[in-house]
Protein backbone atom coordinates (compact mmCIF):
# COMPACT_ATOMS: atom_id res chain seq x y z
CA MET A 1 27.88 33.38 -11.19
CA LEU A 2 30.75 31.44 -9.71
CA CYS A 3 34.40 32.28 -10.26
CA PRO A 4 35.74 31.02 -13.63
CA CYS A 5 38.26 28.89 -11.72
CA TRP A 6 35.44 26.37 -11.22
CA LYS A 7 35.75 25.46 -14.87
CA ASP A 8 39.34 24.34 -14.40
CA VAL A 9 38.65 22.43 -11.19
CA CYS A 10 35.60 20.59 -12.49
CA ALA A 11 37.08 19.86 -15.90
CA ALA A 12 40.30 18.44 -14.48
CA MET A 13 38.51 16.11 -12.07
CA ALA A 14 35.45 15.05 -14.02
CA ALA A 15 36.63 14.83 -17.61
CA SER A 16 39.74 12.78 -16.91
CA PHE A 17 38.10 10.24 -14.61
CA VAL A 18 34.87 9.86 -16.58
CA LEU A 19 36.63 9.21 -19.87
CA LEU A 20 39.29 6.85 -18.52
CA GLY A 21 37.01 5.06 -16.08
CA GLY A 22 34.25 4.70 -18.65
CA VAL A 23 36.53 3.24 -21.29
CA VAL A 24 38.02 0.67 -18.93
CA CYS A 25 34.72 -0.41 -17.37
CA ALA A 26 32.87 -0.55 -20.69
CA ALA A 27 35.65 -2.72 -22.13
CA GLU A 28 35.43 -5.10 -19.16
CA LEU A 29 31.68 -5.55 -19.44
CA ALA A 30 31.71 -5.85 -23.22
CA THR A 31 34.40 -8.54 -23.26
CA GLY A 32 33.16 -10.40 -20.21
CA GLN A 33 36.60 -10.10 -18.63
CA THR A 34 35.54 -8.17 -15.55
CA THR A 35 38.12 -8.86 -12.88
CA THR A 36 35.93 -8.21 -9.86
CA LEU A 37 33.30 -10.72 -8.85
CA ARG A 38 31.12 -10.75 -5.74
CA ASP A 39 34.36 -11.06 -3.78
CA PRO A 40 36.86 -8.58 -5.23
CA GLY A 41 39.74 -10.71 -4.01
CA ALA A 42 38.72 -13.55 -6.32
CA ALA A 43 40.76 -12.20 -9.24
CA TYR A 44 42.34 -8.97 -8.06
CA ALA A 45 43.45 -8.34 -4.50
CA PRO A 46 41.32 -5.61 -2.87
CA GLN A 47 43.17 -2.69 -1.43
CA GLU A 48 43.91 -3.28 2.21
CA GLY A 49 41.77 -1.20 4.54
CA SER A 50 39.29 -0.02 1.89
CA ALA A 51 36.55 2.08 3.50
CA LEU A 52 34.29 1.48 0.50
CA GLU A 53 34.79 -2.28 0.70
CA GLU A 54 33.79 -2.20 4.36
CA ARG A 55 30.50 -0.51 3.50
CA LEU A 56 29.79 -2.99 0.69
CA LYS A 57 30.46 -5.90 3.04
CA LYS A 58 27.99 -4.53 5.58
CA GLU A 59 25.36 -4.14 2.87
CA ARG A 60 25.82 -7.74 1.71
CA GLU A 61 25.34 -8.94 5.27
CA THR A 62 21.93 -7.22 5.51
CA HIS A 63 20.50 -8.32 2.13
CA ALA A 64 19.05 -11.52 3.59
CA ASN A 65 17.43 -9.71 6.54
CA ASP A 66 13.84 -8.74 5.70
CA PHE A 67 13.74 -6.30 8.61
CA VAL A 68 16.66 -4.17 7.47
CA ILE A 69 16.48 -1.34 4.92
CA ASP A 70 19.80 -0.32 3.41
CA PRO A 71 20.72 3.37 3.42
CA HIS A 72 21.29 4.94 0.01
CA ARG A 73 22.59 8.46 0.57
CA PRO A 74 23.26 9.86 4.05
CA ASN A 75 20.35 10.12 6.48
CA TYR A 76 20.71 13.23 8.60
CA LEU A 77 18.98 15.94 10.59
CA LEU A 78 20.35 19.49 10.75
CA PRO A 79 18.18 21.21 13.37
CA LEU A 80 20.06 24.45 12.86
CA THR A 81 21.03 25.85 9.46
CA TYR A 82 21.50 29.43 8.34
CA ASN A 83 21.11 30.57 4.72
CA TRP A 84 22.77 33.92 4.00
CA SER A 85 21.01 34.18 0.62
CA LEU A 86 17.48 32.85 1.12
CA ASN A 87 15.57 32.68 -2.18
CA ARG A 88 12.31 34.57 -1.60
CA GLU A 89 11.41 35.34 -5.21
CA PRO A 90 9.35 32.20 -6.10
CA TYR A 91 6.93 32.85 -3.24
CA GLY A 92 5.93 36.38 -4.25
CA ALA A 93 4.70 38.54 -1.39
CA ASP A 94 4.89 35.57 1.01
CA GLY A 95 8.63 35.32 0.49
CA ASP A 96 9.29 38.10 3.01
CA LYS A 97 7.71 35.94 5.71
CA PHE A 98 10.38 33.24 5.54
CA GLN A 99 13.34 33.14 7.92
CA SER A 100 16.97 32.39 7.08
CA VAL A 101 17.12 29.85 9.91
CA GLU A 102 15.72 26.49 8.84
CA VAL A 103 15.80 22.80 9.69
CA LYS A 104 17.21 20.62 6.91
CA PHE A 105 16.93 16.84 6.84
CA GLN A 106 17.28 13.96 4.43
CA ILE A 107 15.83 10.45 4.35
CA SER A 108 17.35 8.00 1.85
CA PHE A 109 17.11 4.22 1.47
CA LYS A 110 17.36 1.50 -1.15
CA ALA A 111 16.27 -2.10 -1.68
CA MET A 112 17.78 -4.74 -3.94
CA VAL A 113 14.97 -6.34 -5.96
CA ALA A 114 17.03 -8.67 -8.17
CA ASP A 115 20.62 -9.90 -8.18
CA ASP A 116 23.02 -11.56 -10.61
CA LEU A 117 21.06 -10.50 -13.69
CA PHE A 118 24.14 -10.91 -15.89
CA GLY A 119 25.86 -14.11 -14.86
CA LYS A 120 27.32 -13.44 -11.43
CA ASN A 121 27.06 -9.67 -11.75
CA GLY A 122 24.47 -6.94 -12.06
CA ASN A 123 22.08 -6.11 -9.19
CA LEU A 124 18.87 -4.12 -9.63
CA TYR A 125 17.95 -1.62 -6.91
CA PHE A 126 15.06 0.72 -6.20
CA ALA A 127 15.87 3.75 -4.08
CA TYR A 128 14.11 6.76 -2.61
CA THR A 129 15.52 10.02 -1.27
CA GLN A 130 13.60 12.90 0.33
CA LEU A 131 15.18 16.25 1.20
CA SER A 132 13.25 18.86 3.18
CA LEU A 133 13.70 22.47 4.32
CA TRP A 134 11.48 23.23 7.32
CA GLN A 135 10.75 26.66 8.76
CA ALA A 136 10.43 25.01 12.16
CA TYR A 137 11.14 28.15 14.20
CA ASN A 138 8.90 30.44 12.16
CA ARG A 139 5.83 30.53 14.39
CA ASN A 140 4.43 33.60 12.63
CA ILE A 141 3.41 31.43 9.65
CA SER A 142 2.78 28.14 11.48
CA ALA A 143 6.22 26.65 10.81
CA PRO A 144 5.65 25.34 7.25
CA PHE A 145 7.88 23.16 5.13
CA ARG A 146 9.33 25.61 2.61
CA GLU A 147 10.50 22.91 0.20
CA THR A 148 10.55 19.13 -0.08
CA ASN A 149 12.14 17.20 -2.93
CA TYR A 150 11.05 13.64 -3.76
CA GLU A 151 13.53 11.48 -5.66
CA PRO A 152 12.68 7.87 -6.58
CA GLU A 153 15.15 6.02 -8.77
CA ALA A 154 16.05 2.61 -10.16
CA PHE A 155 19.57 1.52 -10.99
CA LEU A 156 21.72 -1.41 -12.10
CA GLN A 157 24.92 -1.87 -10.13
CA PHE A 158 27.89 -3.83 -11.44
CA ASP A 159 30.95 -4.97 -9.50
CA THR A 160 34.15 -3.97 -11.30
CA ASN A 161 37.78 -3.80 -10.35
CA ALA A 162 39.61 -1.71 -12.94
CA PRO A 163 42.74 0.31 -12.13
CA VAL A 164 42.31 3.98 -13.11
CA LEU A 165 45.06 6.54 -12.47
CA GLY A 166 46.16 4.93 -9.24
CA LEU A 167 42.59 4.33 -8.07
CA ARG A 168 40.33 1.31 -8.39
CA ASN A 169 37.02 1.60 -10.26
CA ARG A 170 35.05 -0.58 -7.84
CA LEU A 171 31.43 -0.04 -9.01
CA LEU A 172 29.69 0.90 -12.24
CA ILE A 173 26.07 2.05 -11.98
CA PHE A 174 23.42 2.92 -14.58
CA GLY A 175 20.21 4.55 -13.35
CA LEU A 176 16.96 6.35 -14.05
CA VAL A 177 15.84 9.06 -11.63
CA HIS A 178 12.85 11.37 -11.22
CA GLN A 179 13.00 14.39 -8.95
CA SER A 180 10.17 16.79 -8.15
CA ASN A 181 8.89 19.00 -5.36
CA GLY A 182 5.25 17.93 -5.61
CA ARG A 183 3.99 21.50 -5.93
CA THR A 184 1.53 23.13 -8.32
CA GLU A 185 2.26 26.14 -10.50
CA PRO A 186 4.00 28.51 -10.09
CA LEU A 187 6.14 26.59 -7.57
CA SER A 188 6.26 23.27 -9.43
CA ARG A 189 9.75 21.98 -10.29
CA SER A 190 10.75 18.58 -11.72
CA TRP A 191 13.08 16.75 -14.07
CA ASN A 192 13.90 13.23 -15.24
CA ARG A 193 17.40 11.93 -15.92
CA VAL A 194 19.42 8.90 -16.92
CA TYR A 195 22.87 8.63 -15.37
CA ALA A 196 26.04 6.59 -15.16
CA GLU A 197 28.11 6.54 -12.00
CA PHE A 198 31.70 5.44 -11.56
CA ILE A 199 32.71 4.75 -7.95
CA LEU A 200 36.45 4.60 -7.34
CA ASP A 201 38.49 4.07 -4.22
CA ARG A 202 41.97 3.78 -2.76
CA GLY A 203 42.31 2.81 0.88
CA ARG A 204 40.22 5.19 3.00
CA PHE A 205 39.53 7.47 0.00
CA ALA A 206 36.53 7.10 -2.30
CA MET A 207 35.26 9.08 -5.26
CA SER A 208 32.02 9.16 -7.28
CA ILE A 209 31.84 10.56 -10.82
CA LYS A 210 28.26 10.87 -11.99
CA PRO A 211 27.44 12.30 -15.43
CA TRP A 212 23.75 12.53 -16.34
CA TYR A 213 21.44 13.40 -19.22
CA ARG A 214 18.13 15.15 -18.76
CA PHE A 215 15.16 13.94 -20.78
CA LYS A 216 13.60 16.77 -22.73
CA GLU A 217 10.02 17.74 -21.92
CA PRO A 218 7.41 19.64 -23.98
CA SER A 219 8.00 23.35 -23.63
CA ASP A 220 4.44 24.00 -22.47
CA THR A 221 4.78 21.60 -19.51
CA ASP A 222 8.45 22.14 -18.58
CA ASP A 223 8.59 23.91 -15.21
CA ASN A 224 12.33 24.52 -15.38
CA PRO A 225 13.67 24.41 -18.96
CA ASP A 226 17.02 25.94 -18.00
CA ILE A 227 17.82 23.65 -15.06
CA GLY A 228 20.77 22.14 -16.93
CA LYS A 229 22.34 25.58 -17.13
CA TYR A 230 22.57 25.72 -13.33
CA LEU A 231 23.08 22.07 -12.32
CA GLY A 232 25.28 21.09 -15.25
CA PRO A 233 25.82 17.64 -16.80
CA GLY A 234 26.80 15.82 -13.62
CA GLU A 235 28.64 15.96 -10.32
CA VAL A 236 31.80 14.70 -8.64
CA ARG A 237 31.99 13.63 -5.00
CA ALA A 238 35.05 12.69 -2.97
CA PHE A 239 35.35 11.31 0.57
CA TYR A 240 38.03 10.41 3.05
CA GLU A 241 37.36 8.31 6.17
CA TRP A 242 39.68 8.09 9.19
CA LYS A 243 38.61 6.32 12.39
CA LYS A 244 34.92 7.08 11.74
CA TYR A 245 35.65 10.70 10.88
CA VAL A 246 34.55 11.42 7.30
CA LEU A 247 35.30 14.48 5.16
CA GLY A 248 33.32 14.98 1.96
CA LEU A 249 33.36 17.27 -1.06
CA MET A 250 30.82 17.69 -3.88
CA LEU A 251 31.44 19.70 -7.05
CA ARG A 252 29.12 20.61 -9.92
CA CYS A 253 29.91 22.80 -12.93
CA ASN A 254 28.07 23.56 -16.19
CA PHE A 255 31.31 23.96 -18.21
CA ARG A 256 30.09 27.15 -19.91
CA PRO A 257 32.95 29.65 -19.65
CA ASP A 258 30.79 32.62 -20.67
CA ASP A 259 27.87 31.73 -18.40
CA LEU A 260 29.35 29.71 -15.56
CA TYR A 261 27.27 28.19 -12.75
CA GLY A 262 27.88 25.36 -10.32
CA ALA A 263 27.95 24.34 -6.68
CA VAL A 264 30.23 23.06 -3.94
CA GLN A 265 29.28 21.19 -0.78
CA LEU A 266 31.68 20.53 2.09
CA GLU A 267 30.71 18.12 4.85
CA GLY A 268 32.26 16.48 7.85
CA SER A 269 31.08 13.86 10.33
CA PHE A 270 32.47 12.67 13.64
CA PRO A 271 31.42 9.95 16.11
CA LEU A 272 29.16 10.83 19.04
CA THR A 273 27.81 7.43 20.07
CA LYS A 274 27.91 3.94 18.58
CA LYS A 275 24.92 4.78 16.34
CA LEU A 276 25.06 8.57 15.96
CA LYS A 277 27.56 10.96 14.45
CA GLY A 278 27.84 14.72 14.58
CA TYR A 279 27.50 16.37 11.18
CA ILE A 280 28.49 19.73 9.69
CA GLN A 281 27.47 20.72 6.16
CA TYR A 282 28.21 23.79 4.05
CA PHE A 283 26.61 24.39 0.63
CA TYR A 284 27.39 27.21 -1.76
CA GLY A 285 26.01 27.53 -5.28
CA TYR A 286 22.96 26.49 -7.28
CA GLY A 287 20.58 23.55 -6.99
CA GLU A 288 20.60 22.71 -3.30
CA THR A 289 16.88 22.06 -3.82
CA LEU A 290 14.66 22.30 -6.89
CA ILE A 291 12.95 25.53 -5.85
CA ASP A 292 16.43 27.07 -5.60
CA TYR A 293 17.87 25.54 -8.77
CA ASN A 294 18.44 28.99 -10.33
CA ALA A 295 19.20 30.89 -7.11
CA ARG A 296 22.49 30.91 -5.23
CA THR A 297 22.39 29.31 -1.79
CA ASN A 298 24.95 29.98 0.93
CA ARG A 299 24.06 27.66 3.83
CA LEU A 300 25.84 26.31 6.89
CA GLY A 301 24.24 23.66 9.08
CA ILE A 302 25.04 21.46 12.07
CA GLY A 303 23.27 18.40 13.39
CA ILE A 304 23.37 14.59 13.60
CA LEU A 305 24.01 11.87 11.06
CA LEU A 306 22.38 8.45 11.17
CA THR A 307 24.11 6.88 8.16
CA ASP A 308 27.20 8.14 6.35
CA TRP A 309 28.64 7.79 2.85
CA LEU A 310 31.37 5.49 4.20
C-alpha cells in the first residue's frame, strides 16, 4: 500500500476542484449563460500566454484538414524502461521468463464527428488510445508483447470560461470509455466507465480533474471486480509548460484510509528537433496497465515524444 499521506494530497486537490468546478460549470450550462464561446475572448478575456489555449487553437486549425488526425493523449516511444517490481504472478510459470527491461509506447488520437450540438457549443469526439509493453530485448522468448491495452472512447466537449480558485475552467467534458487488454482467461482484464473531466488553466499551467464511475458487470463475467479499489474514483493531472519544456504530474487515490492504494506519474519533455521531443517518465503505484491493476509498478523510462499534453 501507499503511504497514508496520499489521502491528504489527493483529497485536497481533487475534492476542492471537482466540487467547485462542477458547480460553476453545471450552473453555466443549465442557465445558458456560459461565458466562453468558440473564441474565449468573446465574453471573457483569455489569460495572456495560455499554453492550453495555444493547443486548442492548433486543433481548430486542423479540423478542416481531412489528412490530419488530432492527437488525444501523448504519443510516445520509450525504447528503454526498467521496472523494479515486474508483476510475474498473472503469467504463472512463464512469468519468470520476462525481463524487467521493456519498451513502452503509446498511440492516441481523436476525431471530431459533430460540432455545435448545443447552439454554438458542444462537440462530439471519438478517440482511441493504445498502450503497449514490449519485451523487445527478450530474445529467449521471441520478444513478445507482454501487455497491450485498447481504449476507445466517445466524449462531448464544451467550451467554458468559469473562474475557479484563481484558475479558469476552460473545458468541460463528458465521456464513455471502454478499456481492455484483448486477452482470454486467465489474463483477460477490462472495464467500462462514464466520466466527467474539468480542464483548468492559468497561463502556462493546466490541470485536469477527472472523476469516473465504473459500470457494474455480472460477477461471473467480471475479470477484475476489485479494480476500483486500486485505481480509485478518478485522477488528477497537472502540467506546466515553459519554452517547449513540459513537466507533468498524475495522481490517483482510492480515498480508503484503512486500505489505501493509488499511483503517481511524473513526466518531463524537452525539445530535440522541430517535431521531436525527449521524454522521461516515472510511474509508481497501481494500474499502469490493466494486467498490473492490482500490482505495484515502479518504472522509469526514457525516449521520444511525438505529441505532448501542451
